[in-house]
Amino acid sequence: MDQSNSASLIGFLATFYLIFGVIMIAMFVFMVWLYWRIFTKAGYNGALALLNLVPAGSLVCAIILAFGRWPVEDELAAARGLSPMVPPPPPGSAMMPTV
């Protein structure tokens, strides 16, 4: 391999890795933005989306969203007049909360 081929290969690889890096950073920022919106709509602080900045943070976010009690559920239960820790009655049941 002569000097010109080696220089062109280095230039190609540098350009490839630069474009790849920019795309990966953009995807990462988009993912944090998506989690921020999901946490906000669930009633959590949106800053929990910053957990994605640490290794295994996405797993922690998914566990919080899947198994945690959402604050918006407590607000809905309070609006219905139920205790926030009691699950709501199944749809279509005749059980109405007593006042």
Protein backbone atom coordinates (compact mmCIF):
# COMPACT_ATOMS: atom_id res chain seq x y z
CA MET A 1 0.00 0.00 0.00
CA ASP A 2 1.54 3.33 -0.99
CA GLN A 3 1.19 6.73 0.71
CA SER A 4 -1.75 7.99 -1.37
CA ASN A 5 -3.86 4.88 -0.72
CA SER A 6 -3.06 5.01 2.97
CA ALA A 7 -3.96 8.70 3.21
CA SER A 8 -7.23 8.21 1.35
CA LEU A 9 -8.14 5.26 3.58
CA ILE A 10 -7.44 7.33 6.71
CA GLY A 11 -9.53 10.19 5.30
CA PHE A 12 -12.41 7.85 4.51
CA LEU A 13 -12.34 6.27 7.97
CA ALA A 14 -12.15 9.65 9.69
CA THR A 15 -15.14 10.91 7.72
CA PHE A 16 -17.08 7.70 8.36
CA TYR A 17 -16.49 7.80 12.11
CA LEU A 18 -17.32 11.50 12.29
CA ILE A 19 -20.65 11.00 10.52
CA PHE A 20 -21.36 7.87 12.57
CA GLY A 21 -20.60 9.74 15.81
CA VAL A 22 -22.87 12.66 14.92
CA ILE A 23 -25.73 10.28 14.06
CA MET A 24 -25.27 8.34 17.31
CA ILE A 25 -25.24 11.53 19.40
CA ALA A 26 -28.41 12.74 17.65
CA MET A 27 -30.15 9.42 18.33
CA PHE A 28 -29.05 9.53 21.97
CA VAL A 29 -30.37 13.08 22.44
CA PHE A 30 -33.64 12.08 20.77
CA MET A 31 -33.99 9.09 23.12
CA VAL A 32 -33.46 11.29 26.19
CA TRP A 33 -36.06 13.74 24.85
CA LEU A 34 -38.55 10.89 24.33
CA TYR A 35 -38.05 9.56 27.86
CA TRP A 36 -38.42 13.12 29.20
CA ARG A 37 -41.85 13.38 27.55
CA ILE A 38 -42.91 9.93 28.76
CA PHE A 39 -41.90 10.65 32.35
CA THR A 40 -43.69 14.01 32.26
CA LYS A 41 -46.91 12.48 30.92
CA ALA A 42 -46.73 9.74 33.56
CA GLY A 43 -46.56 12.39 36.29
CA TYR A 44 -42.88 11.95 37.18
CA ASN A 45 -40.22 14.63 37.02
CA GLY A 46 -38.95 14.76 33.45
CA ALA A 47 -35.37 14.96 34.67
CA LEU A 48 -35.52 11.22 35.35
CA ALA A 49 -34.82 10.90 31.63
CA LEU A 50 -31.25 11.95 32.39
CA LEU A 51 -30.73 8.47 33.84
CA ASN A 52 -30.08 7.52 30.23
CA LEU A 53 -26.75 9.31 30.51
CA VAL A 54 -25.33 6.59 32.77
CA PRO A 55 -24.69 2.98 31.77
CA ALA A 56 -27.77 0.78 32.25
CA GLY A 57 -29.85 3.93 32.78
CA SER A 58 -32.33 2.93 30.09
CA LEU A 59 -32.98 -0.28 31.98
CA VAL A 60 -33.64 1.69 35.18
CA CYS A 61 -36.02 4.01 33.30
CA ALA A 62 -37.91 1.06 31.85
CA ILE A 63 -38.19 -0.57 35.30
CA ILE A 64 -39.51 2.65 36.85
CA LEU A 65 -42.12 3.04 34.12
CA ALA A 66 -43.15 -0.61 34.09
CA PHE A 67 -43.33 -1.41 37.80
CA GLY A 68 -43.60 1.94 39.58
CA ARG A 69 -46.86 3.49 40.68
CA TRP A 70 -47.35 6.49 38.44
CA PRO A 71 -48.22 9.77 40.20
CA VAL A 72 -50.86 10.41 37.56
CA GLU A 73 -52.66 7.24 38.75
CA ASP A 74 -52.81 8.69 42.28
CA GLU A 75 -54.22 11.96 40.93
CA LEU A 76 -56.86 10.05 38.96
CA ALA A 77 -57.83 8.01 42.03
CA ALA A 78 -58.10 11.20 44.10
CA ALA A 79 -60.30 12.77 41.43
CA ARG A 80 -62.56 9.71 41.52
CA GLY A 81 -62.75 9.92 45.31
CA LEU A 82 -60.82 6.71 45.92
CA SER A 83 -57.85 6.12 48.14
CA PRO A 84 -54.65 6.41 46.04
CA MET A 85 -53.36 3.03 47.29
CA VAL A 86 -56.57 1.09 46.53
CA PRO A 87 -56.82 -0.14 42.94
CA PRO A 88 -59.87 1.17 41.10
CA PRO A 89 -62.82 -1.17 40.55
CA PRO A 90 -62.83 -3.08 37.28
CA PRO A 91 -64.60 -1.41 34.36
CA GLY A 92 -68.30 -2.11 34.22
CA SER A 93 -68.63 -3.08 37.88
CA ALA A 94 -71.45 -1.68 39.97
CA MET A 95 -69.11 -0.62 42.79
CA MET A 96 -69.27 3.09 43.37
CA PRO A 97 -67.18 4.91 45.96
CA THR A 98 -69.04 5.89 49.11
CA VAL A 99 -68.90 9.52 50.18
